[in-house]
Amino acid sequence: MVVIECPYCEEDIEMDDDASGLFDCPYCDQEFEWGTDEEEVVSNKQRKLKRTPRSIDIELQSDNPTLRLTAGIIFITVMAIYALSSITVIFTGMFVSAVEDGVSDVTDGAVDTSFGVIVILLGFVMLAISCTGIYFGVKLSKGKLIGLIASTVISVLSLILTIVQWAVDDSEECVKWETDPFMGIDTCAEYGTPSFPIFGTILWVGLVAMLATLLFTPKFNHQFD
């Protein structure tokens, strides 16, 4: 006696040693061929076909942390740059505040402004947001779902704010420079609206796309808990 596996239901079937021809499976009533060279080739192909979905399912759920770590490192780096910028803003506000105090003393309080204080507060707000972003970026790199969601939300809001800030900016920047023939100094010959923040937009769009892929693709989002 020999025990073979049904090519359809994969149940074990006992066969005689010299058995060959067409047989009906007692479990699934499917007809299969046994005892010929053609049968062995067909049987192997059928087994491969039946097991292919399992392989695909395992592949779809494979652990690939490369994209997760890349997104986390980029997000942390961007937030760290914003944190350093916020420190610069704070020191700028302190300098402006000192100048305002000096002007107020000279004018005996006739000129008293608090623009420097506003700049300092803005710098601290930026620093708090940046530190929060770094915290969630670390969570993202470690595979925490809350880190992924928070980083995605921060990136989307940053992208929107970047575009809105450019759209509502009323300031002008020089779009054409000319050299004074007598003094040899470059002077602005034409002013225009600020240029579109291409670098910032590309940066945030790339981050949003990367984080959205991690959040909504089953191949990657199973890594987060």
Protein backbone atom coordinates (compact mmCIF):
# COMPACT_ATOMS: atom_id res chain seq x y z
CA MET A 1 0.00 0.00 0.00
CA VAL A 2 1.05 3.57 -0.66
CA VAL A 3 -0.40 6.77 0.80
CA ILE A 4 -0.83 9.66 -1.63
CA GLU A 5 -2.28 13.15 -1.29
CA CYS A 6 -5.38 14.17 -3.23
CA PRO A 7 -4.37 16.98 -5.61
CA TYR A 8 -7.69 18.76 -4.92
CA CYS A 9 -8.51 18.48 -1.21
CA GLU A 10 -5.03 17.35 -0.04
CA GLU A 11 -6.47 14.48 1.99
CA ASP A 12 -4.40 11.28 2.37
CA ILE A 13 -5.60 8.33 0.25
CA GLU A 14 -4.35 4.73 0.45
CA MET A 15 -3.59 3.15 -2.93
CA ASP A 16 -2.26 -0.24 -4.03
CA ASP A 17 1.38 -0.32 -5.03
CA ASP A 18 0.58 -1.24 -8.63
CA ALA A 19 -2.49 1.01 -8.94
CA SER A 20 -2.65 3.23 -12.03
CA GLY A 21 -5.33 5.02 -14.01
CA LEU A 22 -8.21 7.32 -13.04
CA PHE A 23 -9.56 7.32 -9.48
CA ASP A 24 -12.25 9.18 -7.54
CA CYS A 25 -11.28 10.83 -4.27
CA PRO A 26 -13.45 9.43 -1.44
CA TYR A 27 -13.38 12.83 0.29
CA CYS A 28 -14.12 15.38 -2.42
CA ASP A 29 -15.35 13.07 -5.27
CA GLN A 30 -12.89 14.70 -7.66
CA GLU A 31 -11.33 12.51 -10.35
CA PHE A 32 -7.55 12.31 -10.56
CA GLU A 33 -4.97 10.26 -12.41
CA TRP A 34 -2.36 8.16 -10.65
CA GLY A 35 0.43 5.84 -11.72
CA THR A 36 1.59 7.64 -14.88
CA ASP A 37 4.37 10.15 -15.50
CA GLU A 38 1.86 12.73 -16.76
CA GLU A 39 -0.09 12.43 -13.52
CA GLU A 40 2.94 13.23 -11.40
CA VAL A 41 3.66 16.40 -13.40
CA VAL A 42 0.01 17.51 -13.28
CA SER A 43 -0.22 16.71 -9.58
CA ASN A 44 2.85 18.80 -8.77
CA LYS A 45 1.50 21.73 -10.79
CA GLN A 46 -1.87 21.49 -9.04
CA ARG A 47 -0.21 21.51 -5.65
CA LYS A 48 1.84 24.57 -6.57
CA LEU A 49 -1.26 26.36 -7.83
CA LYS A 50 -3.23 25.51 -4.71
CA ARG A 51 -0.47 26.77 -2.43
CA THR A 52 0.28 29.96 -4.34
CA PRO A 53 -2.37 32.07 -2.47
CA ARG A 54 -0.75 31.15 0.84
CA SER A 55 2.65 32.34 -0.40
CA ILE A 56 1.14 35.57 -1.67
CA ASP A 57 -0.60 36.15 1.66
CA ILE A 58 2.65 35.63 3.55
CA GLU A 59 4.46 37.98 1.17
CA LEU A 60 1.82 40.68 1.61
CA GLN A 61 2.24 40.47 5.37
CA SER A 62 6.05 40.41 5.33
CA ASP A 63 7.86 42.68 7.75
CA ASN A 64 9.76 45.34 5.81
CA PRO A 65 10.77 48.18 8.15
CA THR A 66 12.82 50.09 5.56
CA LEU A 67 10.06 52.51 4.55
CA ARG A 68 8.96 52.95 8.17
CA LEU A 69 12.47 53.78 9.37
CA THR A 70 13.12 56.08 6.39
CA ALA A 71 9.91 58.02 7.00
CA GLY A 72 10.67 58.26 10.72
CA ILE A 73 14.22 59.52 10.20
CA ILE A 74 13.16 62.11 7.60
CA PHE A 75 10.31 63.32 9.81
CA ILE A 76 12.57 63.61 12.87
CA THR A 77 15.19 65.48 10.82
CA VAL A 78 12.64 67.99 9.52
CA MET A 79 11.25 68.54 13.01
CA ALA A 80 14.78 69.01 14.38
CA ILE A 81 15.46 71.68 11.74
CA TYR A 82 12.23 73.44 12.74
CA ALA A 83 13.30 73.22 16.40
CA LEU A 84 16.63 74.91 15.61
CA SER A 85 14.78 77.56 13.60
CA SER A 86 12.44 78.20 16.52
CA ILE A 87 15.44 78.78 18.81
CA THR A 88 16.71 81.34 16.30
CA VAL A 89 13.29 83.00 16.35
CA ILE A 90 13.39 83.16 20.17
CA PHE A 91 16.81 84.85 20.19
CA THR A 92 15.64 87.25 17.47
CA GLY A 93 12.62 88.14 19.60
CA MET A 94 14.86 88.74 22.62
CA PHE A 95 17.05 91.07 20.56
CA VAL A 96 14.03 92.97 19.23
CA SER A 97 12.61 93.20 22.75
CA ALA A 98 15.90 94.66 24.04
CA VAL A 99 15.89 97.24 21.24
CA GLU A 100 12.29 98.14 22.06
CA ASP A 101 13.19 98.63 25.73
CA GLY A 102 16.05 100.91 24.72
CA VAL A 103 13.81 103.00 22.47
CA SER A 104 11.20 103.20 25.23
CA ASP A 105 13.81 104.46 27.73
CA VAL A 106 15.13 107.07 25.31
CA THR A 107 11.65 108.37 24.51
CA ASP A 108 10.47 108.16 28.15
CA GLY A 109 7.80 105.64 27.21
CA ALA A 110 6.44 107.63 24.27
CA VAL A 111 7.29 104.72 21.97
CA ASP A 112 6.42 101.44 23.65
CA THR A 113 5.89 98.30 21.56
CA SER A 114 5.80 94.61 22.39
CA PHE A 115 6.61 93.06 19.02
CA GLY A 116 9.64 91.30 20.48
CA VAL A 117 7.51 89.53 23.09
CA ILE A 118 5.17 88.28 20.36
CA VAL A 119 8.13 86.92 18.40
CA ILE A 120 9.45 85.17 21.51
CA LEU A 121 6.08 83.54 22.18
CA LEU A 122 5.86 82.45 18.54
CA GLY A 123 9.31 80.89 18.84
CA PHE A 124 8.29 78.92 21.92
CA VAL A 125 5.13 77.68 20.18
CA MET A 126 7.23 76.54 17.21
CA LEU A 127 9.68 74.83 19.58
CA ALA A 128 6.85 72.99 21.38
CA ILE A 129 5.36 71.78 18.09
CA SER A 130 8.78 70.69 16.82
CA CYS A 131 9.57 68.75 20.00
CA THR A 132 6.17 67.07 19.81
CA GLY A 133 6.89 66.14 16.20
CA ILE A 134 10.25 64.64 17.17
CA TYR A 135 8.53 62.60 19.90
CA PHE A 136 5.97 61.15 17.47
CA GLY A 137 8.71 60.63 14.86
CA VAL A 138 10.53 58.37 17.31
CA LYS A 139 7.26 56.52 17.95
CA LEU A 140 6.84 56.15 14.18
CA SER A 141 10.31 54.62 13.81
CA LYS A 142 9.54 52.15 16.61
CA GLY A 143 6.36 50.97 14.89
CA LYS A 144 3.77 52.67 17.10
CA LEU A 145 0.44 53.40 15.39
CA ILE A 146 -0.10 56.63 17.35
CA GLY A 147 3.23 57.89 16.03
CA LEU A 148 2.23 57.11 12.44
CA ILE A 149 -1.16 58.82 12.76
CA ALA A 150 0.23 61.90 14.52
CA SER A 151 3.11 62.26 12.05
CA THR A 152 0.68 62.00 9.13
CA VAL A 153 -1.61 64.66 10.62
CA ILE A 154 1.31 67.01 11.33
CA SER A 155 2.65 66.55 7.79
CA VAL A 156 -0.74 67.25 6.20
CA LEU A 157 -1.24 70.38 8.33
CA SER A 158 2.29 71.56 7.54
CA LEU A 159 1.66 71.12 3.81
CA ILE A 160 -1.59 73.10 4.04
CA LEU A 161 0.02 75.86 6.14
CA THR A 162 2.94 76.13 3.71
CA ILE A 163 0.61 76.77 0.79
CA VAL A 164 -1.75 79.04 2.77
CA GLN A 165 1.15 81.10 4.11
CA TRP A 166 2.40 81.69 0.57
CA ALA A 167 -1.12 82.54 -0.67
CA VAL A 168 -1.81 85.18 2.01
CA ASP A 169 1.69 86.70 2.04
CA ASP A 170 1.39 90.38 1.04
CA SER A 171 5.10 91.10 1.11
CA GLU A 172 7.16 91.66 -2.02
CA GLU A 173 10.53 90.34 -3.01
CA CYS A 174 12.96 91.46 -5.66
CA VAL A 175 12.50 89.62 -8.94
CA LYS A 176 14.97 91.64 -11.00
CA TRP A 177 18.34 93.07 -10.03
CA GLU A 178 20.40 95.72 -11.80
CA THR A 179 23.94 96.95 -11.20
CA ASP A 180 24.41 100.67 -10.70
CA PRO A 181 26.92 101.79 -13.39
CA PHE A 182 28.37 104.48 -11.12
CA MET A 183 28.41 102.82 -7.71
CA GLY A 184 28.78 99.22 -8.87
CA ILE A 185 26.13 98.13 -6.37
CA ASP A 186 23.32 95.71 -7.20
CA THR A 187 19.94 97.33 -6.67
CA CYS A 188 16.46 95.94 -7.09
CA ALA A 189 14.82 97.08 -10.31
CA GLU A 190 11.53 95.21 -9.98
CA TYR A 191 9.52 93.82 -7.09
CA GLY A 192 6.97 91.03 -7.24
CA THR A 193 5.08 88.48 -5.19
CA PRO A 194 7.11 85.87 -3.29
CA SER A 195 8.00 82.78 -5.27
CA PHE A 196 6.10 79.57 -4.62
CA PRO A 197 7.74 77.43 -1.89
CA ILE A 198 8.64 74.55 -4.20
CA PHE A 199 11.12 72.86 -1.86
CA GLY A 200 8.80 72.95 1.16
CA THR A 201 5.85 71.71 -0.88
CA ILE A 202 7.82 68.81 -2.38
CA LEU A 203 9.16 67.92 1.07
CA TRP A 204 5.74 67.77 2.73
CA VAL A 205 4.04 66.08 -0.24
CA GLY A 206 6.73 63.39 -0.19
CA LEU A 207 6.32 62.87 3.55
CA VAL A 208 2.53 62.73 3.31
CA ALA A 209 2.72 60.19 0.47
CA MET A 210 5.20 58.03 2.38
CA LEU A 211 3.22 58.13 5.63
CA ALA A 212 -0.08 57.51 3.83
CA THR A 213 1.47 54.44 2.20
CA LEU A 214 2.44 53.13 5.63
CA LEU A 215 -0.99 53.93 7.05
CA PHE A 216 -3.25 52.52 4.33
CA THR A 217 -1.22 49.69 2.74
CA PRO A 218 -1.75 46.28 4.43
CA LYS A 219 1.79 45.22 3.53
CA PHE A 220 3.17 47.90 5.86
CA ASN A 221 0.48 48.93 8.37
CA HIS A 222 0.52 45.53 10.12
CA GLN A 223 3.93 46.53 11.50
CA PHE A 224 2.31 49.16 13.75
CA ASP A 225 0.59 48.39 17.03
